[in-house]
């Protein structure tokens, strides 16, 4: 039986955010926005969903006089992301021709 995929991570933008954060210690909102090509409003909504699930931490501060939002994966988020990737691998392996 194939594993269930985490519906929270099964969104293209949320998966993109998680993928970016998995490769860095943290990333600011502008970097994530530029990498994903998302609008600021849509990205903000998706970050809120990931934060509510406990998958990412969000810190708000300033760089000089400019507001800066920085995101990072939590241990729960890293585990959820790794489980999601492993589940996808099982799906791919199930369809492989021997």
PDB file of N, CA and C in Angstrom:
ATOM      1  N   UNK A   1       0.840  -1.176   0.000  1.00  0.00           N
ATOM      2  CA  UNK A   1       0.000   0.000   0.000  1.00  0.00           C
ATOM      3  C   UNK A   1       0.886   1.240   0.000  1.00  0.00           C
ATOM      4  N   UNK A   2       0.539   2.185  -0.848  1.00  0.00           N
ATOM      5  CA  UNK A   2       1.324   3.412  -0.951  1.00  0.00           C
ATOM      6  C   UNK A   2       1.009   4.348   0.218  1.00  0.00           C
ATOM      7  N   UNK A   3       2.013   5.092   0.675  1.00  0.00           N
ATOM      8  CA  UNK A   3       1.800   6.011   1.799  1.00  0.00           C
ATOM      9  C   UNK A   3       0.957   7.214   1.381  1.00  0.00           C
ATOM     10  N   UNK A   4       0.295   7.827   2.360  1.00  0.00           N
ATOM     11  CA  UNK A   4      -0.457   9.050   2.085  1.00  0.00           C
ATOM     12  C   UNK A   4       0.520  10.207   1.955  1.00  0.00           C
ATOM     13  N   UNK A   5       0.209  11.117   1.055  1.00  0.00           N
ATOM     14  CA  UNK A   5       1.017  12.324   0.901  1.00  0.00           C
ATOM     15  C   UNK A   5       0.439  13.421   1.777  1.00  0.00           C
ATOM     16  N   UNK A   6       1.301  14.141   2.457  1.00  0.00           N
ATOM     17  CA  UNK A   6       0.893  15.246   3.319  1.00  0.00           C
ATOM     18  C   UNK A   6       0.197  16.303   2.455  1.00  0.00           C
ATOM     19  N   UNK A   7      -1.112  16.521   2.638  1.00  0.00           N
ATOM     20  CA  UNK A   7      -1.830  17.474   1.790  1.00  0.00           C
ATOM     21  C   UNK A   7      -1.316  18.905   1.920  1.00  0.00           C
ATOM     22  N   UNK A   8      -0.741  19.234   3.056  1.00  0.00           N
ATOM     23  CA  UNK A   8      -0.194  20.580   3.235  1.00  0.00           C
ATOM     24  C   UNK A   8       1.011  20.808   2.325  1.00  0.00           C
ATOM     25  N   UNK A   9       1.783  19.758   2.093  1.00  0.00           N
ATOM     26  CA  UNK A   9       2.972  19.887   1.241  1.00  0.00           C
ATOM     27  C   UNK A   9       2.682  19.566  -0.213  1.00  0.00           C
ATOM     28  N   UNK A  10       1.485  19.141  -0.504  1.00  0.00           N
ATOM     29  CA  UNK A  10       1.123  18.745  -1.867  1.00  0.00           C
ATOM     30  C   UNK A  10       0.677  19.934  -2.707  1.00  0.00           C
ATOM     31  N   UNK A  11       0.998  21.120  -2.249  1.00  0.00           N
ATOM     32  CA  UNK A  11       0.741  22.355  -2.993  1.00  0.00           C
ATOM     33  C   UNK A  11       2.064  22.807  -3.605  1.00  0.00           C
ATOM     34  N   UNK A  12       2.032  23.206  -4.862  1.00  0.00           N
ATOM     35  CA  UNK A  12       3.260  23.584  -5.561  1.00  0.00           C
ATOM     36  C   UNK A  12       4.031  24.680  -4.825  1.00  0.00           C
ATOM     37  N   UNK A  13       3.352  25.732  -4.390  1.00  0.00           N
ATOM     38  CA  UNK A  13       4.044  26.835  -3.745  1.00  0.00           C
ATOM     39  C   UNK A  13       4.565  26.449  -2.362  1.00  0.00           C
ATOM     40  N   UNK A  14       3.746  25.757  -1.565  1.00  0.00           N
ATOM     41  CA  UNK A  14       4.218  25.348  -0.240  1.00  0.00           C
ATOM     42  C   UNK A  14       5.376  24.356  -0.360  1.00  0.00           C
ATOM     43  N   UNK A  15       5.317  23.452  -1.332  1.00  0.00           N
ATOM     44  CA  UNK A  15       6.415  22.525  -1.564  1.00  0.00           C
ATOM     45  C   UNK A  15       7.669  23.293  -1.984  1.00  0.00           C
ATOM     46  N   UNK A  16       7.500  24.308  -2.801  1.00  0.00           N
ATOM     47  CA  UNK A  16       8.632  25.148  -3.216  1.00  0.00           C
ATOM     48  C   UNK A  16       9.271  25.854  -2.037  1.00  0.00           C
ATOM     49  N   UNK A  17       8.458  26.411  -1.156  1.00  0.00           N
ATOM     50  CA  UNK A  17       8.973  27.095   0.033  1.00  0.00           C
ATOM     51  C   UNK A  17       9.759  26.112   0.892  1.00  0.00           C
ATOM     52  N   UNK A  18       9.181  24.948   1.122  1.00  0.00           N
ATOM     53  CA  UNK A  18       9.844  23.939   1.945  1.00  0.00           C
ATOM     54  C   UNK A  18      11.157  23.479   1.297  1.00  0.00           C
ATOM     55  N   UNK A  19      11.159  23.320  -0.015  1.00  0.00           N
ATOM     56  CA  UNK A  19      12.364  22.894  -0.730  1.00  0.00           C
ATOM     57  C   UNK A  19      13.475  23.928  -0.585  1.00  0.00           C
ATOM     58  N   UNK A  20      13.121  25.186  -0.708  1.00  0.00           N
ATOM     59  CA  UNK A  20      14.110  26.260  -0.548  1.00  0.00           C
ATOM     60  C   UNK A  20      14.666  26.243   0.868  1.00  0.00           C
ATOM     61  N   UNK A  21      13.784  26.177   1.848  1.00  0.00           N
ATOM     62  CA  UNK A  21      14.220  26.245   3.243  1.00  0.00           C
ATOM     63  C   UNK A  21      14.995  25.005   3.671  1.00  0.00           C
ATOM     64  N   UNK A  22      14.765  23.876   3.022  1.00  0.00           N
ATOM     65  CA  UNK A  22      15.493  22.652   3.367  1.00  0.00           C
ATOM     66  C   UNK A  22      16.973  22.776   3.027  1.00  0.00           C
ATOM     67  N   UNK A  23      17.308  23.657   2.099  1.00  0.00           N
ATOM     68  CA  UNK A  23      18.686  23.793   1.656  1.00  0.00           C
ATOM     69  C   UNK A  23      19.468  24.922   2.308  1.00  0.00           C
ATOM     70  N   UNK A  24      18.820  25.685   3.179  1.00  0.00           N
ATOM     71  CA  UNK A  24      19.475  26.838   3.815  1.00  0.00           C
ATOM     72  C   UNK A  24      19.117  26.896   5.290  1.00  0.00           C
ATOM     73  N   UNK A  25      19.883  27.656   6.043  1.00  0.00           N
ATOM     74  CA  UNK A  25      19.560  27.834   7.460  1.00  0.00           C
ATOM     75  C   UNK A  25      18.303  28.687   7.608  1.00  0.00           C
ATOM     76  N   UNK A  26      18.208  29.738   6.777  1.00  0.00           N
ATOM     77  CA  UNK A  26      17.029  30.594   6.753  1.00  0.00           C
ATOM     78  C   UNK A  26      17.031  31.369   5.443  1.00  0.00           C
ATOM     79  N   UNK A  27      15.886  31.938   5.111  1.00  0.00           N
ATOM     80  CA  UNK A  27      15.760  32.743   3.890  1.00  0.00           C
ATOM     81  C   UNK A  27      14.768  33.855   4.142  1.00  0.00           C
ATOM     82  N   UNK A  28      15.045  35.021   3.541  1.00  0.00           N
ATOM     83  CA  UNK A  28      14.094  36.113   3.734  1.00  0.00           C
ATOM     84  C   UNK A  28      12.976  36.039   2.703  1.00  0.00           C
ATOM     85  N   UNK A  29      11.894  36.721   3.031  1.00  0.00           N
ATOM     86  CA  UNK A  29      10.667  36.692   2.239  1.00  0.00           C
ATOM     87  C   UNK A  29      10.947  37.050   0.777  1.00  0.00           C
ATOM     88  N   UNK A  30      11.754  38.086   0.560  1.00  0.00           N
ATOM     89  CA  UNK A  30      12.032  38.539  -0.805  1.00  0.00           C
ATOM     90  C   UNK A  30      12.746  37.463  -1.609  1.00  0.00           C
ATOM     91  N   UNK A  31      13.703  36.789  -0.990  1.00  0.00           N
ATOM     92  CA  UNK A  31      14.422  35.706  -1.674  1.00  0.00           C
ATOM     93  C   UNK A  31      13.452  34.588  -2.064  1.00  0.00           C
ATOM     94  N   UNK A  32      12.611  34.178  -1.114  1.00  0.00           N
ATOM     95  CA  UNK A  32      11.647  33.101  -1.390  1.00  0.00           C
ATOM     96  C   UNK A  32      10.681  33.536  -2.499  1.00  0.00           C
ATOM     97  N   UNK A  33      10.226  34.761  -2.437  1.00  0.00           N
ATOM     98  CA  UNK A  33       9.306  35.296  -3.450  1.00  0.00           C
ATOM     99  C   UNK A  33       9.954  35.265  -4.829  1.00  0.00           C
ATOM    100  N   UNK A  34      11.207  35.705  -4.907  1.00  0.00           N
ATOM    101  CA  UNK A  34      11.910  35.712  -6.191  1.00  0.00           C
ATOM    102  C   UNK A  34      12.162  34.299  -6.710  1.00  0.00           C
ATOM    103  N   UNK A  35      12.501  33.373  -5.833  1.00  0.00           N
ATOM    104  CA  UNK A  35      12.785  32.002  -6.249  1.00  0.00           C
ATOM    105  C   UNK A  35      11.533  31.268  -6.720  1.00  0.00           C
ATOM    106  N   UNK A  36      10.404  31.552  -6.083  1.00  0.00           N
ATOM    107  CA  UNK A  36       9.168  30.846  -6.435  1.00  0.00           C
ATOM    108  C   UNK A  36       8.361  31.546  -7.520  1.00  0.00           C
ATOM    109  N   UNK A  37       8.597  32.839  -7.690  1.00  0.00           N
ATOM    110  CA  UNK A  37       7.806  33.609  -8.655  1.00  0.00           C
ATOM    111  C   UNK A  37       6.403  33.912  -8.165  1.00  0.00           C
ATOM    112  N   UNK A  38       6.168  33.722  -6.878  1.00  0.00           N
ATOM    113  CA  UNK A  38       4.840  33.943  -6.296  1.00  0.00           C
ATOM    114  C   UNK A  38       4.597  35.431  -6.063  1.00  0.00           C
ATOM    115  N   UNK A  39       3.331  35.783  -5.978  1.00  0.00           N
ATOM    116  CA  UNK A  39       3.001  37.138  -5.567  1.00  0.00           C
ATOM    117  C   UNK A  39       3.210  37.245  -4.061  1.00  0.00           C
ATOM    118  N   UNK A  40       3.424  38.449  -3.585  1.00  0.00           N
ATOM    119  CA  UNK A  40       3.645  38.655  -2.151  1.00  0.00           C
ATOM    120  C   UNK A  40       2.444  38.178  -1.340  1.00  0.00           C
ATOM    121  N   UNK A  41       1.235  38.469  -1.812  1.00  0.00           N
ATOM    122  CA  UNK A  41       0.026  38.076  -1.089  1.00  0.00           C
ATOM    123  C   UNK A  41      -0.138  36.576  -0.999  1.00  0.00           C
ATOM    124  N   UNK A  42       0.049  35.875  -2.111  1.00  0.00           N
ATOM    125  CA  UNK A  42      -0.098  34.425  -2.120  1.00  0.00           C
ATOM    126  C   UNK A  42       0.985  33.768  -1.263  1.00  0.00           C
ATOM    127  N   UNK A  43       2.216  34.246  -1.394  1.00  0.00           N
ATOM    128  CA  UNK A  43       3.303  33.679  -0.596  1.00  0.00           C
ATOM    129  C   UNK A  43       3.042  33.886   0.886  1.00  0.00           C
ATOM    130  N   UNK A  44       2.555  35.043   1.249  1.00  0.00           N
ATOM    131  CA  UNK A  44       2.254  35.336   2.651  1.00  0.00           C
ATOM    132  C   UNK A  44       1.218  34.363   3.207  1.00  0.00           C
ATOM    133  N   UNK A  45       0.175  34.085   2.438  1.00  0.00           N
ATOM    134  CA  UNK A  45      -0.867  33.146   2.856  1.00  0.00           C
ATOM    135  C   UNK A  45      -0.282  31.750   3.044  1.00  0.00           C
ATOM    136  N   UNK A  46       0.559  31.319   2.111  1.00  0.00           N
ATOM    137  CA  UNK A  46       1.125  29.969   2.185  1.00  0.00           C
ATOM    138  C   UNK A  46       2.121  29.848   3.344  1.00  0.00           C
ATOM    139  N   UNK A  47       2.881  30.898   3.597  1.00  0.00           N
ATOM    140  CA  UNK A  47       3.793  30.898   4.742  1.00  0.00           C
ATOM    141  C   UNK A  47       2.997  30.821   6.038  1.00  0.00           C
ATOM    142  N   UNK A  48       1.883  31.529   6.109  1.00  0.00           N
ATOM    143  CA  UNK A  48       1.024  31.453   7.304  1.00  0.00           C
ATOM    144  C   UNK A  48       0.530  30.021   7.534  1.00  0.00           C
ATOM    145  N   UNK A  49       0.150  29.324   6.461  1.00  0.00           N
ATOM    146  CA  UNK A  49      -0.321  27.943   6.595  1.00  0.00           C
ATOM    147  C   UNK A  49       0.791  27.034   7.103  1.00  0.00           C
ATOM    148  N   UNK A  50       1.995  27.213   6.580  1.00  0.00           N
ATOM    149  CA  UNK A  50       3.124  26.391   7.014  1.00  0.00           C
ATOM    150  C   UNK A  50       3.513  26.711   8.456  1.00  0.00           C
ATOM    151  N   UNK A  51       3.391  27.969   8.832  1.00  0.00           N
ATOM    152  CA  UNK A  51       3.686  28.378  10.207  1.00  0.00           C
ATOM    153  C   UNK A  51       2.655  27.802  11.164  1.00  0.00           C
ATOM    154  N   UNK A  52       1.385  27.867  10.796  1.00  0.00           N
ATOM    155  CA  UNK A  52       0.316  27.327  11.641  1.00  0.00           C
ATOM    156  C   UNK A  52       0.479  25.827  11.865  1.00  0.00           C
ATOM    157  N   UNK A  53       1.012  25.135  10.872  1.00  0.00           N
ATOM    158  CA  UNK A  53       1.234  23.689  10.986  1.00  0.00           C
ATOM    159  C   UNK A  53       2.492  23.370  11.798  1.00  0.00           C
ATOM    160  N   UNK A  54       3.272  24.391  12.131  1.00  0.00           N
ATOM    161  CA  UNK A  54       4.510  24.173  12.880  1.00  0.00           C
ATOM    162  C   UNK A  54       5.674  23.737  12.006  1.00  0.00           C
ATOM    163  N   UNK A  55       5.548  23.921  10.683  1.00  0.00           N
ATOM    164  CA  UNK A  55       6.591  23.482   9.758  1.00  0.00           C
ATOM    165  C   UNK A  55       7.704  24.514   9.593  1.00  0.00           C
ATOM    166  N   UNK A  56       7.370  25.801   9.757  1.00  0.00           N
ATOM    167  CA  UNK A  56       8.394  26.831   9.635  1.00  0.00           C
ATOM    168  C   UNK A  56       8.257  27.857  10.758  1.00  0.00           C
ATOM    169  N   UNK A  57       9.369  28.499  11.051  1.00  0.00           N
ATOM    170  CA  UNK A  57       9.397  29.637  11.971  1.00  0.00           C
ATOM    171  C   UNK A  57       9.505  30.900  11.144  1.00  0.00           C
ATOM    172  N   UNK A  58       8.839  31.945  11.584  1.00  0.00           N
ATOM    173  CA  UNK A  58       8.916  33.238  10.919  1.00  0.00           C
ATOM    174  C   UNK A  58       9.369  34.267  11.944  1.00  0.00           C
ATOM    175  N   UNK A  59      10.404  35.004  11.580  1.00  0.00           N
ATOM    176  CA  UNK A  59      10.892  36.087  12.421  1.00  0.00           C
ATOM    177  C   UNK A  59      10.776  37.386  11.645  1.00  0.00           C
ATOM    178  N   UNK A  60      10.172  38.375  12.281  1.00  0.00           N
ATOM    179  CA  UNK A  60      10.021  39.691  11.649  1.00  0.00           C
ATOM    180  C   UNK A  60      10.956  40.661  12.338  1.00  0.00           C
ATOM    181  N   UNK A  61      11.645  41.443  11.533  1.00  0.00           N
ATOM    182  CA  UNK A  61      12.582  42.424  12.069  1.00  0.00           C
ATOM    183  C   UNK A  61      12.827  43.501  11.043  1.00  0.00           C
ATOM    184  N   UNK A  62      13.955  44.152  11.159  1.00  0.00           N
ATOM    185  CA  UNK A  62      14.305  45.232  10.243  1.00  0.00           C
ATOM    186  C   UNK A  62      15.742  45.078   9.788  1.00  0.00           C
ATOM    187  N   UNK A  63      15.986  45.436   8.537  1.00  0.00           N
ATOM    188  CA  UNK A  63      17.332  45.623   7.999  1.00  0.00           C
ATOM    189  C   UNK A  63      17.438  47.115   7.759  1.00  0.00           C
ATOM    190  N   UNK A  64      18.109  47.783   8.662  1.00  0.00           N
ATOM    191  CA  UNK A  64      18.095  49.241   8.613  1.00  0.00           C
ATOM    192  C   UNK A  64      16.693  49.704   8.956  1.00  0.00           C
ATOM    193  N   UNK A  65      16.077  50.438   8.052  1.00  0.00           N
ATOM    194  CA  UNK A  65      14.709  50.908   8.277  1.00  0.00           C
ATOM    195  C   UNK A  65      13.674  50.091   7.510  1.00  0.00           C
ATOM    196  N   UNK A  66      14.156  49.075   6.791  1.00  0.00           N
ATOM    197  CA  UNK A  66      13.255  48.253   5.974  1.00  0.00           C
ATOM    198  C   UNK A  66      12.819  47.014   6.748  1.00  0.00           C
ATOM    199  N   UNK A  67      11.508  46.696   6.732  1.00  0.00           N
ATOM    200  CA  UNK A  67      11.050  45.467   7.386  1.00  0.00           C
ATOM    201  C   UNK A  67      11.633  44.241   6.685  1.00  0.00           C
ATOM    202  N   UNK A  68      11.913  43.208   7.461  1.00  0.00           N
ATOM    203  CA  UNK A  68      12.483  41.978   6.918  1.00  0.00           C
ATOM    204  C   UNK A  68      11.827  40.789   7.607  1.00  0.00           C
ATOM    205  N   UNK A  69      11.282  39.873   6.813  1.00  0.00           N
ATOM    206  CA  UNK A  69      10.690  38.640   7.322  1.00  0.00           C
ATOM    207  C   UNK A  69      11.610  37.494   6.937  1.00  0.00           C
ATOM    208  N   UNK A  70      12.043  36.724   7.926  1.00  0.00           N
ATOM    209  CA  UNK A  70      12.951  35.609   7.689  1.00  0.00           C
ATOM    210  C   UNK A  70      12.271  34.309   8.102  1.00  0.00           C
ATOM    211  N   UNK A  71      12.392  33.298   7.251  1.00  0.00           N
ATOM    212  CA  UNK A  71      11.760  31.999   7.492  1.00  0.00           C
ATOM    213  C   UNK A  71      12.822  30.918   7.630  1.00  0.00           C
ATOM    214  N   UNK A  72      12.523  29.921   8.452  1.00  0.00           N
ATOM    215  CA  UNK A  72      13.398  28.761   8.592  1.00  0.00           C
ATOM    216  C   UNK A  72      12.541  27.543   8.917  1.00  0.00           C
ATOM    217  N   UNK A  73      13.053  26.359   8.570  1.00  0.00           N
ATOM    218  CA  UNK A  73      12.341  25.119   8.873  1.00  0.00           C
ATOM    219  C   UNK A  73      12.456  24.795  10.360  1.00  0.00           C
ATOM    220  N   UNK A  74      11.395  24.260  10.913  1.00  0.00           N
ATOM    221  CA  UNK A  74      11.445  23.704  12.260  1.00  0.00           C
ATOM    222  C   UNK A  74      11.861  22.243  12.122  1.00  0.00           C
ATOM    223  N   UNK A  75      12.163  21.590  13.222  1.00  0.00           N
ATOM    224  CA  UNK A  75      12.489  20.163  13.158  1.00  0.00           C
ATOM    225  C   UNK A  75      11.272  19.370  12.674  1.00  0.00           C
ATOM    226  N   UNK A  76      10.077  19.800  13.078  1.00  0.00           N
ATOM    227  CA  UNK A  76       8.841  19.157  12.612  1.00  0.00           C
ATOM    228  C   UNK A  76       8.696  19.328  11.106  1.00  0.00           C
ATOM    229  N   UNK A  77       8.998  20.517  10.612  1.00  0.00           N
ATOM    230  CA  UNK A  77       8.912  20.788   9.184  1.00  0.00           C
ATOM    231  C   UNK A  77       9.915  19.985   8.384  1.00  0.00           C
ATOM    232  N   UNK A  78      11.133  19.884   8.910  1.00  0.00           N
ATOM    233  CA  UNK A  78      12.163  19.111   8.216  1.00  0.00           C
ATOM    234  C   UNK A  78      11.753  17.640   8.135  1.00  0.00           C
ATOM    235  N   UNK A  79      11.217  17.114   9.235  1.00  0.00           N
ATOM    236  CA  UNK A  79      10.761  15.717   9.251  1.00  0.00           C
ATOM    237  C   UNK A  79       9.601  15.513   8.281  1.00  0.00           C
ATOM    238  N   UNK A  80       8.647  16.430   8.259  1.00  0.00           N
ATOM    239  CA  UNK A  80       7.500  16.324   7.348  1.00  0.00           C
ATOM    240  C   UNK A  80       7.969  16.371   5.897  1.00  0.00           C
ATOM    241  N   UNK A  81       8.923  17.249   5.608  1.00  0.00           N
ATOM    242  CA  UNK A  81       9.450  17.371   4.248  1.00  0.00           C
ATOM    243  C   UNK A  81      10.165  16.087   3.838  1.00  0.00           C
ATOM    244  N   UNK A  82      10.998  15.561   4.717  1.00  0.00           N
ATOM    245  CA  UNK A  82      11.716  14.312   4.413  1.00  0.00           C
ATOM    246  C   UNK A  82      10.741  13.156   4.215  1.00  0.00           C
ATOM    247  N   UNK A  83       9.702  13.077   5.054  1.00  0.00           N
ATOM    248  CA  UNK A  83       8.686  12.026   4.892  1.00  0.00           C
ATOM    249  C   UNK A  83       7.961  12.167   3.557  1.00  0.00           C
ATOM    250  N   UNK A  84       7.668  13.403   3.166  1.00  0.00           N
ATOM    251  CA  UNK A  84       6.986  13.659   1.897  1.00  0.00           C
ATOM    252  C   UNK A  84       7.850  13.182   0.725  1.00  0.00           C
ATOM    253  N   UNK A  85       9.133  13.539   0.756  1.00  0.00           N
ATOM    254  CA  UNK A  85      10.051  13.140  -0.310  1.00  0.00           C
ATOM    255  C   UNK A  85      10.171  11.609  -0.363  1.00  0.00           C
ATOM    256  N   UNK A  86      10.294  10.975   0.802  1.00  0.00           N
ATOM    257  CA  UNK A  86      10.385   9.509   0.831  1.00  0.00           C
ATOM    258  C   UNK A  86       9.114   8.861   0.304  1.00  0.00           C
ATOM    259  N   UNK A  87       7.967   9.455   0.613  1.00  0.00           N
ATOM    260  CA  UNK A  87       6.698   8.929   0.092  1.00  0.00           C
ATOM    261  C   UNK A  87       6.645   9.043  -1.423  1.00  0.00           C
ATOM    262  N   UNK A  88       7.101  10.171  -1.958  1.00  0.00           N
ATOM    263  CA  UNK A  88       7.140  10.345  -3.410  1.00  0.00           C
ATOM    264  C   UNK A  88       8.042   9.293  -4.061  1.00  0.00           C
ATOM    265  N   UNK A  89       9.157   9.007  -3.412  1.00  0.00           N
ATOM    266  CA  UNK A  89      10.065   7.983  -3.940  1.00  0.00           C
ATOM    267  C   UNK A  89       9.370   6.621  -3.988  1.00  0.00           C
ATOM    268  N   UNK A  90       8.567   6.319  -2.959  1.00  0.00           N
ATOM    269  CA  UNK A  90       7.821   5.050  -2.962  1.00  0.00           C
ATOM    270  C   UNK A  90       6.833   5.008  -4.121  1.00  0.00           C
ATOM    271  N   UNK A  91       6.174   6.135  -4.401  1.00  0.00           N
ATOM    272  CA  UNK A  91       5.255   6.198  -5.536  1.00  0.00           C
ATOM    273  C   UNK A  91       6.004   5.935  -6.831  1.00  0.00           C
ATOM    274  N   UNK A  92       7.157   6.563  -6.980  1.00  0.00           N
ATOM    275  CA  UNK A  92       7.933   6.388  -8.201  1.00  0.00           C
ATOM    276  C   UNK A  92       8.434   4.957  -8.342  1.00  0.00           C
ATOM    277  N   UNK A  93       8.881   4.382  -7.248  1.00  0.00           N
ATOM    278  CA  UNK A  93       9.369   2.997  -7.285  1.00  0.00           C
ATOM    279  C   UNK A  93       8.249   2.008  -7.558  1.00  0.00           C
ATOM    280  N   UNK A  94       7.052   2.304  -7.106  1.00  0.00           N
ATOM    281  CA  UNK A  94       5.914   1.400  -7.328  1.00  0.00           C
ATOM    282  C   UNK A  94       5.571   1.321  -8.809  1.00  0.00           C
ATOM    283  N   UNK A  95       5.857   2.370  -9.541  1.00  0.00           N
ATOM    284  CA  UNK A  95       5.527   2.385 -10.959  1.00  0.00           C
ATOM    285  C   UNK A  95       6.687   1.975 -11.854  1.00  0.00           C
ATOM    286  N   UNK A  96       7.838   1.699 -11.245  1.00  0.00           N
ATOM    287  CA  UNK A  96       9.019   1.334 -12.035  1.00  0.00           C
ATOM    288  C   UNK A  96       8.851  -0.043 -12.672  1.00  0.00           C
ATOM    289  N   UNK A  97       9.290  -0.162 -13.885  1.00  0.00           N
ATOM    290  CA  UNK A  97       9.239  -1.433 -14.608  1.00  0.00           C
ATOM    291  C   UNK A  97      10.524  -2.185 -14.332  1.00  0.00           C
ATOM    292  N   UNK A  98      10.398  -3.413 -13.937  1.00  0.00           N
ATOM    293  CA  UNK A  98      11.605  -4.222 -13.628  1.00  0.00           C
ATOM    294  C   UNK A  98      12.240  -4.752 -14.883  1.00  0.00           C
TER     295      UNK A  98
END
